[in-house]
């Protein structure tokens, strides 16, 4: 009878150890899930920051491109307006400030130089 009781106690002890180990494994699982979720949050935050920077850089690039095109349009307008080499007529046709007049004169000077170069 003592052997039977010892066997039951040993079986109960093994079952207790097995259940304890399962509980410990679940805790490890939970810890690893928490670590993975923290990593995902950090990675998603970095991805969000990278995406935000990418959009910002794209917008800056578009703004620079638009400024460049506006500058080119202004230069072409300057070349077309100074084709007849008469800035005084332009003053009456358009409301030009001093900066635009200087730009037109510079454009006129460039056109005259390029004309004599060839």
PDB file of N, CA and C in Angstrom:
ATOM      1  N   UNK A   1       0.806  -1.165   0.000  1.00  0.00           N
ATOM      2  CA  UNK A   1       0.000   0.000   0.000  1.00  0.00           C
ATOM      3  C   UNK A   1       0.867   1.252   0.000  1.00  0.00           C
ATOM      4  N   UNK A   2       1.998   1.224   0.693  1.00  0.00           N
ATOM      5  CA  UNK A   2       2.900   2.365   0.685  1.00  0.00           C
ATOM      6  C   UNK A   2       3.402   2.661  -0.721  1.00  0.00           C
ATOM      7  N   UNK A   3       3.656   1.617  -1.490  1.00  0.00           N
ATOM      8  CA  UNK A   3       4.121   1.790  -2.872  1.00  0.00           C
ATOM      9  C   UNK A   3       3.065   2.490  -3.712  1.00  0.00           C
ATOM     10  N   UNK A   4       1.813   2.135  -3.446  1.00  0.00           N
ATOM     11  CA  UNK A   4       0.708   2.744  -4.194  1.00  0.00           C
ATOM     12  C   UNK A   4       0.604   4.240  -3.866  1.00  0.00           C
ATOM     13  N   UNK A   5       0.733   4.594  -2.624  1.00  0.00           N
ATOM     14  CA  UNK A   5       0.648   5.998  -2.201  1.00  0.00           C
ATOM     15  C   UNK A   5       1.841   6.786  -2.749  1.00  0.00           C
ATOM     16  N   UNK A   6       3.019   6.160  -2.706  1.00  0.00           N
ATOM     17  CA  UNK A   6       4.204   6.820  -3.255  1.00  0.00           C
ATOM     18  C   UNK A   6       4.041   7.070  -4.748  1.00  0.00           C
ATOM     19  N   UNK A   7       3.474   6.081  -5.448  1.00  0.00           N
ATOM     20  CA  UNK A   7       3.266   6.233  -6.891  1.00  0.00           C
ATOM     21  C   UNK A   7       2.275   7.366  -7.172  1.00  0.00           C
ATOM     22  N   UNK A   8       1.218   7.448  -6.384  1.00  0.00           N
ATOM     23  CA  UNK A   8       0.244   8.528  -6.574  1.00  0.00           C
ATOM     24  C   UNK A   8       0.873   9.888  -6.267  1.00  0.00           C
ATOM     25  N   UNK A   9       1.646   9.947  -5.202  1.00  0.00           N
ATOM     26  CA  UNK A   9       2.323  11.212  -4.856  1.00  0.00           C
ATOM     27  C   UNK A   9       3.317  11.604  -5.945  1.00  0.00           C
ATOM     28  N   UNK A  10       4.049  10.605  -6.452  1.00  0.00           N
ATOM     29  CA  UNK A  10       5.016  10.881  -7.514  1.00  0.00           C
ATOM     30  C   UNK A  10       4.301  11.341  -8.783  1.00  0.00           C
ATOM     31  N   UNK A  11       3.184  10.693  -9.110  1.00  0.00           N
ATOM     32  CA  UNK A  11       2.392  11.092 -10.284  1.00  0.00           C
ATOM     33  C   UNK A  11       1.843  12.502 -10.120  1.00  0.00           C
ATOM     34  N   UNK A  12       1.344  12.804  -8.927  1.00  0.00           N
ATOM     35  CA  UNK A  12       0.809  14.141  -8.663  1.00  0.00           C
ATOM     36  C   UNK A  12       1.929  15.179  -8.737  1.00  0.00           C
ATOM     37  N   UNK A  13       3.111  14.823  -8.228  1.00  0.00           N
ATOM     38  CA  UNK A  13       4.251  15.734  -8.281  1.00  0.00           C
ATOM     39  C   UNK A  13       4.652  16.005  -9.732  1.00  0.00           C
ATOM     40  N   UNK A  14       4.722  14.929 -10.539  1.00  0.00           N
ATOM     41  CA  UNK A  14       5.082  15.096 -11.964  1.00  0.00           C
ATOM     42  C   UNK A  14       4.047  15.955 -12.693  1.00  0.00           C
ATOM     43  N   UNK A  15       2.771  15.719 -12.396  1.00  0.00           N
ATOM     44  CA  UNK A  15       1.712  16.516 -13.014  1.00  0.00           C
ATOM     45  C   UNK A  15       1.834  17.988 -12.602  1.00  0.00           C
ATOM     46  N   UNK A  16       2.159  18.220 -11.348  1.00  0.00           N
ATOM     47  CA  UNK A  16       2.350  19.576 -10.855  1.00  0.00           C
ATOM     48  C   UNK A  16       3.535  20.251 -11.545  1.00  0.00           C
ATOM     49  N   UNK A  17       4.648  19.508 -11.676  1.00  0.00           N
ATOM     50  CA  UNK A  17       5.833  20.049 -12.356  1.00  0.00           C
ATOM     51  C   UNK A  17       5.517  20.330 -13.818  1.00  0.00           C
ATOM     52  N   UNK A  18       4.785  19.419 -14.460  1.00  0.00           N
ATOM     53  CA  UNK A  18       4.414  19.589 -15.870  1.00  0.00           C
ATOM     54  C   UNK A  18       3.542  20.837 -16.046  1.00  0.00           C
ATOM     55  N   UNK A  19       2.547  20.997 -15.181  1.00  0.00           N
ATOM     56  CA  UNK A  19       1.677  22.181 -15.255  1.00  0.00           C
ATOM     57  C   UNK A  19       2.461  23.467 -14.976  1.00  0.00           C
ATOM     58  N   UNK A  20       3.401  23.396 -14.032  1.00  0.00           N
ATOM     59  CA  UNK A  20       4.232  24.558 -13.736  1.00  0.00           C
ATOM     60  C   UNK A  20       5.084  24.931 -14.950  1.00  0.00           C
ATOM     61  N   UNK A  21       5.664  23.921 -15.596  1.00  0.00           N
ATOM     62  CA  UNK A  21       6.482  24.181 -16.784  1.00  0.00           C
ATOM     63  C   UNK A  21       5.641  24.767 -17.920  1.00  0.00           C
ATOM     64  N   UNK A  22       4.401  24.283 -18.057  1.00  0.00           N
ATOM     65  CA  UNK A  22       3.519  24.851 -19.084  1.00  0.00           C
ATOM     66  C   UNK A  22       3.247  26.324 -18.791  1.00  0.00           C
ATOM     67  N   UNK A  23       3.010  26.616 -17.535  1.00  0.00           N
ATOM     68  CA  UNK A  23       2.767  27.996 -17.144  1.00  0.00           C
ATOM     69  C   UNK A  23       3.992  28.859 -17.431  1.00  0.00           C
ATOM     70  N   UNK A  24       5.163  28.335 -17.144  1.00  0.00           N
ATOM     71  CA  UNK A  24       6.396  29.052 -17.396  1.00  0.00           C
ATOM     72  C   UNK A  24       6.587  29.273 -18.896  1.00  0.00           C
ATOM     73  N   UNK A  25       6.288  28.253 -19.713  1.00  0.00           N
ATOM     74  CA  UNK A  25       6.385  28.385 -21.165  1.00  0.00           C
ATOM     75  C   UNK A  25       5.426  29.460 -21.673  1.00  0.00           C
ATOM     76  N   UNK A  26       4.235  29.507 -21.099  1.00  0.00           N
ATOM     77  CA  UNK A  26       3.278  30.536 -21.519  1.00  0.00           C
ATOM     78  C   UNK A  26       3.799  31.927 -21.178  1.00  0.00           C
ATOM     79  N   UNK A  27       4.427  32.054 -20.024  1.00  0.00           N
ATOM     80  CA  UNK A  27       5.003  33.346 -19.666  1.00  0.00           C
ATOM     81  C   UNK A  27       6.102  33.746 -20.646  1.00  0.00           C
ATOM     82  N   UNK A  28       6.918  32.765 -21.039  1.00  0.00           N
ATOM     83  CA  UNK A  28       7.946  33.053 -22.035  1.00  0.00           C
ATOM     84  C   UNK A  28       7.313  33.488 -23.348  1.00  0.00           C
ATOM     85  N   UNK A  29       6.244  32.784 -23.696  1.00  0.00           N
ATOM     86  CA  UNK A  29       5.529  33.122 -24.923  1.00  0.00           C
ATOM     87  C   UNK A  29       4.992  34.545 -24.845  1.00  0.00           C
ATOM     88  N   UNK A  30       4.393  34.877 -23.711  1.00  0.00           N
ATOM     89  CA  UNK A  30       3.869  36.229 -23.541  1.00  0.00           C
ATOM     90  C   UNK A  30       4.984  37.271 -23.590  1.00  0.00           C
ATOM     91  N   UNK A  31       6.109  36.955 -22.945  1.00  0.00           N
ATOM     92  CA  UNK A  31       7.232  37.887 -22.973  1.00  0.00           C
ATOM     93  C   UNK A  31       7.734  38.091 -24.399  1.00  0.00           C
ATOM     94  N   UNK A  32       7.839  37.001 -25.150  1.00  0.00           N
ATOM     95  CA  UNK A  32       8.321  37.141 -26.530  1.00  0.00           C
ATOM     96  C   UNK A  32       7.307  37.898 -27.385  1.00  0.00           C
ATOM     97  N   UNK A  33       6.007  37.670 -27.142  1.00  0.00           N
ATOM     98  CA  UNK A  33       4.989  38.424 -27.881  1.00  0.00           C
ATOM     99  C   UNK A  33       5.059  39.913 -27.551  1.00  0.00           C
ATOM    100  N   UNK A  34       5.272  40.222 -26.290  1.00  0.00           N
ATOM    101  CA  UNK A  34       5.405  41.624 -25.891  1.00  0.00           C
ATOM    102  C   UNK A  34       6.631  42.247 -26.560  1.00  0.00           C
ATOM    103  N   UNK A  35       7.745  41.501 -26.568  1.00  0.00           N
ATOM    104  CA  UNK A  35       8.949  42.017 -27.219  1.00  0.00           C
ATOM    105  C   UNK A  35       8.712  42.233 -28.714  1.00  0.00           C
ATOM    106  N   UNK A  36       8.039  41.273 -29.361  1.00  0.00           N
ATOM    107  CA  UNK A  36       7.742  41.416 -30.790  1.00  0.00           C
ATOM    108  C   UNK A  36       6.836  42.615 -31.044  1.00  0.00           C
ATOM    109  N   UNK A  37       5.843  42.787 -30.183  1.00  0.00           N
ATOM    110  CA  UNK A  37       4.944  43.930 -30.381  1.00  0.00           C
ATOM    111  C   UNK A  37       5.688  45.251 -30.170  1.00  0.00           C
ATOM    112  N   UNK A  38       6.602  45.294 -29.188  1.00  0.00           N
ATOM    113  CA  UNK A  38       7.395  46.505 -28.985  1.00  0.00           C
ATOM    114  C   UNK A  38       8.294  46.779 -30.186  1.00  0.00           C
ATOM    115  N   UNK A  39       8.892  45.717 -30.727  1.00  0.00           N
ATOM    116  CA  UNK A  39       9.717  45.884 -31.925  1.00  0.00           C
ATOM    117  C   UNK A  39       8.880  46.370 -33.097  1.00  0.00           C
ATOM    118  N   UNK A  40       7.679  45.812 -33.234  1.00  0.00           N
ATOM    119  CA  UNK A  40       6.805  46.240 -34.328  1.00  0.00           C
ATOM    120  C   UNK A  40       6.428  47.712 -34.192  1.00  0.00           C
ATOM    121  N   UNK A  41       6.156  48.125 -32.959  1.00  0.00           N
ATOM    122  CA  UNK A  41       5.804  49.528 -32.736  1.00  0.00           C
ATOM    123  C   UNK A  41       6.979  50.423 -33.117  1.00  0.00           C
ATOM    124  N   UNK A  42       8.189  50.044 -32.677  1.00  0.00           N
ATOM    125  CA  UNK A  42       9.370  50.844 -33.014  1.00  0.00           C
ATOM    126  C   UNK A  42       9.613  50.858 -34.519  1.00  0.00           C
ATOM    127  N   UNK A  43       9.487  49.684 -35.149  1.00  0.00           N
ATOM    128  CA  UNK A  43       9.717  49.590 -36.591  1.00  0.00           C
ATOM    129  C   UNK A  43       8.667  50.394 -37.352  1.00  0.00           C
ATOM    130  N   UNK A  44       7.406  50.279 -36.936  1.00  0.00           N
ATOM    131  CA  UNK A  44       6.354  51.041 -37.603  1.00  0.00           C
ATOM    132  C   UNK A  44       6.555  52.541 -37.411  1.00  0.00           C
ATOM    133  N   UNK A  45       7.041  52.920 -36.244  1.00  0.00           N
ATOM    134  CA  UNK A  45       7.317  54.336 -36.003  1.00  0.00           C
ATOM    135  C   UNK A  45       8.433  54.812 -36.928  1.00  0.00           C
ATOM    136  N   UNK A  46       9.482  53.984 -37.069  1.00  0.00           N
ATOM    137  CA  UNK A  46      10.574  54.347 -37.973  1.00  0.00           C
ATOM    138  C   UNK A  46      10.082  54.398 -39.411  1.00  0.00           C
ATOM    139  N   UNK A  47       9.255  53.424 -39.795  1.00  0.00           N
ATOM    140  CA  UNK A  47       8.710  53.429 -41.154  1.00  0.00           C
ATOM    141  C   UNK A  47       7.848  54.661 -41.385  1.00  0.00           C
ATOM    142  N   UNK A  48       7.075  55.034 -40.377  1.00  0.00           N
ATOM    143  CA  UNK A  48       6.249  56.234 -40.481  1.00  0.00           C
ATOM    144  C   UNK A  48       7.121  57.476 -40.644  1.00  0.00           C
ATOM    145  N   UNK A  49       8.187  57.551 -39.840  1.00  0.00           N
ATOM    146  CA  UNK A  49       9.098  58.697 -39.944  1.00  0.00           C
ATOM    147  C   UNK A  49       9.764  58.732 -41.314  1.00  0.00           C
ATOM    148  N   UNK A  50      10.186  57.563 -41.805  1.00  0.00           N
ATOM    149  CA  UNK A  50      10.810  57.510 -43.130  1.00  0.00           C
ATOM    150  C   UNK A  50       9.824  57.923 -44.213  1.00  0.00           C
ATOM    151  N   UNK A  51       8.593  57.470 -44.099  1.00  0.00           N
ATOM    152  CA  UNK A  51       7.570  57.834 -45.080  1.00  0.00           C
ATOM    153  C   UNK A  51       7.300  59.339 -45.040  1.00  0.00           C
ATOM    154  N   UNK A  52       7.251  59.882 -43.825  1.00  0.00           N
ATOM    155  CA  UNK A  52       7.021  61.316 -43.663  1.00  0.00           C
ATOM    156  C   UNK A  52       8.167  62.111 -44.295  1.00  0.00           C
ATOM    157  N   UNK A  53       9.413  61.664 -44.061  1.00  0.00           N
ATOM    158  CA  UNK A  53      10.563  62.338 -44.663  1.00  0.00           C
ATOM    159  C   UNK A  53      10.535  62.220 -46.178  1.00  0.00           C
ATOM    160  N   UNK A  54      10.129  61.062 -46.665  1.00  0.00           N
ATOM    161  CA  UNK A  54      10.050  60.856 -48.114  1.00  0.00           C
ATOM    162  C   UNK A  54       9.040  61.806 -48.743  1.00  0.00           C
ATOM    163  N   UNK A  55       7.880  61.937 -48.119  1.00  0.00           N
ATOM    164  CA  UNK A  55       6.853  62.852 -48.636  1.00  0.00           C
ATOM    165  C   UNK A  55       7.361  64.288 -48.575  1.00  0.00           C
ATOM    166  N   UNK A  56       8.025  64.641 -47.485  1.00  0.00           N
ATOM    167  CA  UNK A  56       8.573  65.994 -47.341  1.00  0.00           C
ATOM    168  C   UNK A  56       9.610  66.276 -48.427  1.00  0.00           C
ATOM    169  N   UNK A  57      10.503  65.305 -48.667  1.00  0.00           N
ATOM    170  CA  UNK A  57      11.519  65.486 -49.703  1.00  0.00           C
ATOM    171  C   UNK A  57      10.893  65.582 -51.088  1.00  0.00           C
ATOM    172  N   UNK A  58       9.851  64.799 -51.335  1.00  0.00           N
ATOM    173  CA  UNK A  58       9.158  64.867 -52.620  1.00  0.00           C
ATOM    174  C   UNK A  58       8.534  66.239 -52.816  1.00  0.00           C
ATOM    175  N   UNK A  59       7.908  66.756 -51.765  1.00  0.00           N
ATOM    176  CA  UNK A  59       7.312  68.094 -51.860  1.00  0.00           C
ATOM    177  C   UNK A  59       8.371  69.168 -52.087  1.00  0.00           C
ATOM    178  N   UNK A  60       9.491  69.057 -51.380  1.00  0.00           N
ATOM    179  CA  UNK A  60      10.568  70.022 -51.590  1.00  0.00           C
ATOM    180  C   UNK A  60      11.093  69.962 -53.018  1.00  0.00           C
ATOM    181  N   UNK A  61      11.227  68.751 -53.531  1.00  0.00           N
ATOM    182  CA  UNK A  61      11.699  68.579 -54.907  1.00  0.00           C
ATOM    183  C   UNK A  61      10.720  69.212 -55.890  1.00  0.00           C
ATOM    184  N   UNK A  62       9.438  69.005 -55.673  1.00  0.00           N
ATOM    185  CA  UNK A  62       8.432  69.605 -56.559  1.00  0.00           C
ATOM    186  C   UNK A  62       8.453  71.124 -56.478  1.00  0.00           C
ATOM    187  N   UNK A  63       8.623  71.649 -55.271  1.00  0.00           N
ATOM    188  CA  UNK A  63       8.684  73.103 -55.110  1.00  0.00           C
ATOM    189  C   UNK A  63       9.903  73.662 -55.841  1.00  0.00           C
ATOM    190  N   UNK A  64      11.050  72.995 -55.688  1.00  0.00           N
ATOM    191  CA  UNK A  64      12.257  73.448 -56.384  1.00  0.00           C
ATOM    192  C   UNK A  64      12.062  73.391 -57.896  1.00  0.00           C
ATOM    193  N   UNK A  65      11.442  72.305 -58.358  1.00  0.00           N
ATOM    194  CA  UNK A  65      11.201  72.161 -59.791  1.00  0.00           C
ATOM    195  C   UNK A  65      10.271  73.260 -60.301  1.00  0.00           C
ATOM    196  N   UNK A  66       9.225  73.568 -59.530  1.00  0.00           N
ATOM    197  CA  UNK A  66       8.306  74.632 -59.939  1.00  0.00           C
ATOM    198  C   UNK A  66       9.003  75.987 -59.952  1.00  0.00           C
ATOM    199  N   UNK A  67       9.839  76.250 -58.940  1.00  0.00           N
ATOM    200  CA  UNK A  67      10.584  77.508 -58.926  1.00  0.00           C
ATOM    201  C   UNK A  67      11.509  77.601 -60.134  1.00  0.00           C
ATOM    202  N   UNK A  68      12.146  76.479 -60.458  1.00  0.00           N
ATOM    203  CA  UNK A  68      13.035  76.454 -61.619  1.00  0.00           C
ATOM    204  C   UNK A  68      12.253  76.753 -62.896  1.00  0.00           C
ATOM    205  N   UNK A  69      11.096  76.120 -63.045  1.00  0.00           N
ATOM    206  CA  UNK A  69      10.285  76.348 -64.241  1.00  0.00           C
ATOM    207  C   UNK A  69       9.771  77.790 -64.295  1.00  0.00           C
ATOM    208  N   UNK A  70       9.383  78.335 -63.150  1.00  0.00           N
ATOM    209  CA  UNK A  70       8.954  79.739 -63.131  1.00  0.00           C
ATOM    210  C   UNK A  70      10.093  80.673 -63.533  1.00  0.00           C
ATOM    211  N   UNK A  71      11.290  80.347 -63.067  1.00  0.00           N
ATOM    212  CA  UNK A  71      12.454  81.150 -63.436  1.00  0.00           C
ATOM    213  C   UNK A  71      12.711  81.060 -64.939  1.00  0.00           C
ATOM    214  N   UNK A  72      12.609  79.852 -65.490  1.00  0.00           N
ATOM    215  CA  UNK A  72      12.806  79.665 -66.932  1.00  0.00           C
ATOM    216  C   UNK A  72      11.736  80.410 -67.727  1.00  0.00           C
ATOM    217  N   UNK A  73      10.498  80.356 -67.248  1.00  0.00           N
ATOM    218  CA  UNK A  73       9.412  81.077 -67.930  1.00  0.00           C
ATOM    219  C   UNK A  73       9.694  82.577 -67.905  1.00  0.00           C
ATOM    220  N   UNK A  74      10.167  83.067 -66.759  1.00  0.00           N
ATOM    221  CA  UNK A  74      10.493  84.492 -66.650  1.00  0.00           C
ATOM    222  C   UNK A  74      11.632  84.860 -67.598  1.00  0.00           C
ATOM    223  N   UNK A  75      12.628  83.970 -67.713  1.00  0.00           N
ATOM    224  CA  UNK A  75      13.734  84.234 -68.634  1.00  0.00           C
ATOM    225  C   UNK A  75      13.253  84.255 -70.081  1.00  0.00           C
ATOM    226  N   UNK A  76      12.387  83.304 -70.435  1.00  0.00           N
ATOM    227  CA  UNK A  76      11.848  83.289 -71.799  1.00  0.00           C
ATOM    228  C   UNK A  76      11.005  84.537 -72.063  1.00  0.00           C
ATOM    229  N   UNK A  77      10.220  84.919 -71.073  1.00  0.00           N
ATOM    230  CA  UNK A  77       9.416  86.133 -71.202  1.00  0.00           C
ATOM    231  C   UNK A  77      10.328  87.342 -71.393  1.00  0.00           C
ATOM    232  N   UNK A  78      11.411  87.359 -70.637  1.00  0.00           N
ATOM    233  CA  UNK A  78      12.384  88.444 -70.747  1.00  0.00           C
ATOM    234  C   UNK A  78      12.986  88.472 -72.147  1.00  0.00           C
ATOM    235  N   UNK A  79      13.346  87.306 -72.669  1.00  0.00           N
ATOM    236  CA  UNK A  79      13.931  87.247 -74.013  1.00  0.00           C
ATOM    237  C   UNK A  79      12.932  87.705 -75.065  1.00  0.00           C
ATOM    238  N   UNK A  80      11.685  87.276 -74.911  1.00  0.00           N
ATOM    239  CA  UNK A  80      10.675  87.679 -75.889  1.00  0.00           C
ATOM    240  C   UNK A  80      10.378  89.169 -75.808  1.00  0.00           C
ATOM    241  N   UNK A  81      10.327  89.710 -74.604  1.00  0.00           N
ATOM    242  CA  UNK A  81      10.000  91.128 -74.441  1.00  0.00           C
ATOM    243  C   UNK A  81      11.134  92.026 -74.901  1.00  0.00           C
ATOM    244  N   UNK A  82      12.354  91.572 -74.775  1.00  0.00           N
ATOM    245  CA  UNK A  82      13.492  92.414 -75.159  1.00  0.00           C
ATOM    246  C   UNK A  82      13.974  92.098 -76.565  1.00  0.00           C
ATOM    247  N   UNK A  83      13.157  91.394 -77.310  1.00  0.00           N
ATOM    248  CA  UNK A  83      13.557  91.035 -78.667  1.00  0.00           C
ATOM    249  C   UNK A  83      13.715  92.277 -79.541  1.00  0.00           C
ATOM    250  N   UNK A  84      12.852  93.257 -79.329  1.00  0.00           N
ATOM    251  CA  UNK A  84      12.950  94.477 -80.129  1.00  0.00           C
ATOM    252  C   UNK A  84      13.860  95.516 -79.474  1.00  0.00           C
ATOM    253  N   UNK A  85      14.509  95.172 -78.360  1.00  0.00           N
ATOM    254  CA  UNK A  85      15.478  96.014 -77.662  1.00  0.00           C
ATOM    255  C   UNK A  85      14.893  97.356 -77.213  1.00  0.00           C
ATOM    256  N   UNK A  86      13.618  97.382 -76.844  1.00  0.00           N
ATOM    257  CA  UNK A  86      12.988  98.636 -76.420  1.00  0.00           C
ATOM    258  C   UNK A  86      12.366  98.458 -75.037  1.00  0.00           C
ATOM    259  N   UNK A  87      13.104  98.796 -74.003  1.00  0.00           N
ATOM    260  CA  UNK A  87      12.619  98.635 -72.634  1.00  0.00           C
ATOM    261  C   UNK A  87      11.657  99.757 -72.271  1.00  0.00           C
ATOM    262  N   UNK A  88      11.826 100.928 -72.848  1.00  0.00           N
ATOM    263  CA  UNK A  88      10.919 102.050 -72.541  1.00  0.00           C
ATOM    264  C   UNK A  88       9.486 101.724 -72.943  1.00  0.00           C
ATOM    265  N   UNK A  89       9.314 101.019 -74.051  1.00  0.00           N
ATOM    266  CA  UNK A  89       7.973 100.604 -74.463  1.00  0.00           C
ATOM    267  C   UNK A  89       7.396  99.618 -73.453  1.00  0.00           C
ATOM    268  N   UNK A  90       8.266  98.734 -72.946  1.00  0.00           N
ATOM    269  CA  UNK A  90       7.813  97.751 -71.955  1.00  0.00           C
ATOM    270  C   UNK A  90       7.334  98.428 -70.679  1.00  0.00           C
ATOM    271  N   UNK A  91       7.963  99.510 -70.295  1.00  0.00           N
ATOM    272  CA  UNK A  91       7.561 100.214 -69.071  1.00  0.00           C
ATOM    273  C   UNK A  91       6.123 100.706 -69.180  1.00  0.00           C
ATOM    274  N   UNK A  92       5.732 101.121 -70.365  1.00  0.00           N
ATOM    275  CA  UNK A  92       4.369 101.617 -70.549  1.00  0.00           C
ATOM    276  C   UNK A  92       3.366 100.478 -70.682  1.00  0.00           C
ATOM    277  N   UNK A  93       3.767  99.382 -71.312  1.00  0.00           N
ATOM    278  CA  UNK A  93       2.845  98.258 -71.524  1.00  0.00           C
ATOM    279  C   UNK A  93       2.606  97.505 -70.216  1.00  0.00           C
ATOM    280  N   UNK A  94       3.693  97.234 -69.489  1.00  0.00           N
ATOM    281  CA  UNK A  94       3.585  96.453 -68.249  1.00  0.00           C
ATOM    282  C   UNK A  94       4.008  97.325 -67.074  1.00  0.00           C
ATOM    283  N   UNK A  95       3.483  96.995 -65.929  1.00  0.00           N
ATOM    284  CA  UNK A  95       3.927  97.675 -64.711  1.00  0.00           C
ATOM    285  C   UNK A  95       5.190  96.978 -64.220  1.00  0.00           C
ATOM    286  N   UNK A  96       6.331  97.526 -64.561  1.00  0.00           N
ATOM    287  CA  UNK A  96       7.599  96.898 -64.196  1.00  0.00           C
ATOM    288  C   UNK A  96       8.226  97.643 -63.027  1.00  0.00           C
ATOM    289  N   UNK A  97       8.713  96.890 -62.074  1.00  0.00           N
ATOM    290  CA  UNK A  97       9.462  97.515 -61.001  1.00  0.00           C
ATOM    291  C   UNK A  97      10.947  97.508 -61.381  1.00  0.00           C
ATOM    292  N   UNK A  98      11.779  98.072 -60.520  1.00  0.00           N
ATOM    293  CA  UNK A  98      13.199  98.223 -60.853  1.00  0.00           C
ATOM    294  C   UNK A  98      13.896  96.882 -61.038  1.00  0.00           C
ATOM    295  N   UNK A  99      13.519  95.896 -60.233  1.00  0.00           N
ATOM    296  CA  UNK A  99      14.163  94.585 -60.337  1.00  0.00           C
ATOM    297  C   UNK A  99      13.887  93.947 -61.694  1.00  0.00           C
ATOM    298  N   UNK A 100      12.643  94.019 -62.153  1.00  0.00           N
ATOM    299  CA  UNK A 100      12.308  93.425 -63.445  1.00  0.00           C
ATOM    300  C   UNK A 100      12.981  94.184 -64.584  1.00  0.00           C
ATOM    301  N   UNK A 101      13.062  95.505 -64.450  1.00  0.00           N
ATOM    302  CA  UNK A 101      13.744  96.283 -65.485  1.00  0.00           C
ATOM    303  C   UNK A 101      15.215  95.879 -65.556  1.00  0.00           C
ATOM    304  N   UNK A 102      15.835  95.714 -64.376  1.00  0.00           N
ATOM    305  CA  UNK A 102      17.234  95.273 -64.349  1.00  0.00           C
ATOM    306  C   UNK A 102      17.376  93.881 -64.952  1.00  0.00           C
ATOM    307  N   UNK A 103      16.419  92.998 -64.650  1.00  0.00           N
ATOM    308  CA  UNK A 103      16.467  91.649 -65.218  1.00  0.00           C
ATOM    309  C   UNK A 103      16.323  91.700 -66.728  1.00  0.00           C
ATOM    310  N   UNK A 104      15.421  92.557 -67.207  1.00  0.00           N
ATOM    311  CA  UNK A 104      15.245  92.690 -68.654  1.00  0.00           C
ATOM    312  C   UNK A 104      16.501  93.271 -69.303  1.00  0.00           C
ATOM    313  N   UNK A 105      17.119  94.251 -68.631  1.00  0.00           N
ATOM    314  CA  UNK A 105      18.350  94.824 -69.183  1.00  0.00           C
ATOM    315  C   UNK A 105      19.463  93.781 -69.228  1.00  0.00           C
ATOM    316  N   UNK A 106      19.555  92.972 -68.170  1.00  0.00           N
ATOM    317  CA  UNK A 106      20.565  91.910 -68.154  1.00  0.00           C
ATOM    318  C   UNK A 106      20.285  90.909 -69.259  1.00  0.00           C
ATOM    319  N   UNK A 107      19.029  90.590 -69.452  1.00  0.00           N
ATOM    320  CA  UNK A 107      18.649  89.662 -70.510  1.00  0.00           C
ATOM    321  C   UNK A 107      18.965  90.273 -71.870  1.00  0.00           C
ATOM    322  N   UNK A 108      18.700  91.540 -72.017  1.00  0.00           N
ATOM    323  CA  UNK A 108      19.000  92.248 -73.255  1.00  0.00           C
ATOM    324  C   UNK A 108      20.502  92.230 -73.510  1.00  0.00           C
ATOM    325  N   UNK A 109      21.280  92.484 -72.471  1.00  0.00           N
ATOM    326  CA  UNK A 109      22.733  92.462 -72.596  1.00  0.00           C
ATOM    327  C   UNK A 109      23.208  91.077 -73.013  1.00  0.00           C
ATOM    328  N   UNK A 110      22.623  90.036 -72.412  1.00  0.00           N
ATOM    329  CA  UNK A 110      22.995  88.665 -72.757  1.00  0.00           C
ATOM    330  C   UNK A 110      22.619  88.362 -74.205  1.00  0.00           C
ATOM    331  N   UNK A 111      21.449  88.816 -74.646  1.00  0.00           N
ATOM    332  CA  UNK A 111      21.016  88.572 -76.026  1.00  0.00           C
ATOM    333  C   UNK A 111      21.942  89.257 -77.022  1.00  0.00           C
ATOM    334  N   UNK A 112      22.357  90.480 -76.706  1.00  0.00           N
ATOM    335  CA  UNK A 112      23.254  91.211 -77.605  1.00  0.00           C
ATOM    336  C   UNK A 112      24.606  90.526 -77.664  1.00  0.00           C
ATOM    337  N   UNK A 113      25.123  90.083 -76.516  1.00  0.00           N
ATOM    338  CA  UNK A 113      26.409  89.389 -76.504  1.00  0.00           C
ATOM    339  C   UNK A 113      26.340  88.088 -77.288  1.00  0.00           C
ATOM    340  N   UNK A 114      25.279  87.318 -77.102  1.00  0.00           N
ATOM    341  CA  UNK A 114      25.164  86.052 -77.825  1.00  0.00           C
ATOM    342  C   UNK A 114      24.972  86.303 -79.316  1.00  0.00           C
ATOM    343  N   UNK A 115      24.370  87.435 -79.675  1.00  0.00           N
ATOM    344  CA  UNK A 115      24.178  87.768 -81.087  1.00  0.00           C
ATOM    345  C   UNK A 115      25.530  88.040 -81.745  1.00  0.00           C
ATOM    346  N   UNK A 116      26.409  88.774 -81.040  1.00  0.00           N
ATOM    347  CA  UNK A 116      27.712  89.099 -81.610  1.00  0.00           C
ATOM    348  C   UNK A 116      28.696  87.946 -81.517  1.00  0.00           C
ATOM    349  N   UNK A 117      28.411  86.994 -80.675  1.00  0.00           N
ATOM    350  CA  UNK A 117      29.290  85.839 -80.538  1.00  0.00           C
ATOM    351  C   UNK A 117      29.251  84.977 -81.792  1.00  0.00           C
ATOM    352  N   UNK A 118      28.098  84.871 -82.395  1.00  0.00           N
ATOM    353  CA  UNK A 118      27.947  84.003 -83.565  1.00  0.00           C
ATOM    354  C   UNK A 118      28.146  84.823 -84.769  1.00  0.00           C
TER     355      UNK A 118
END
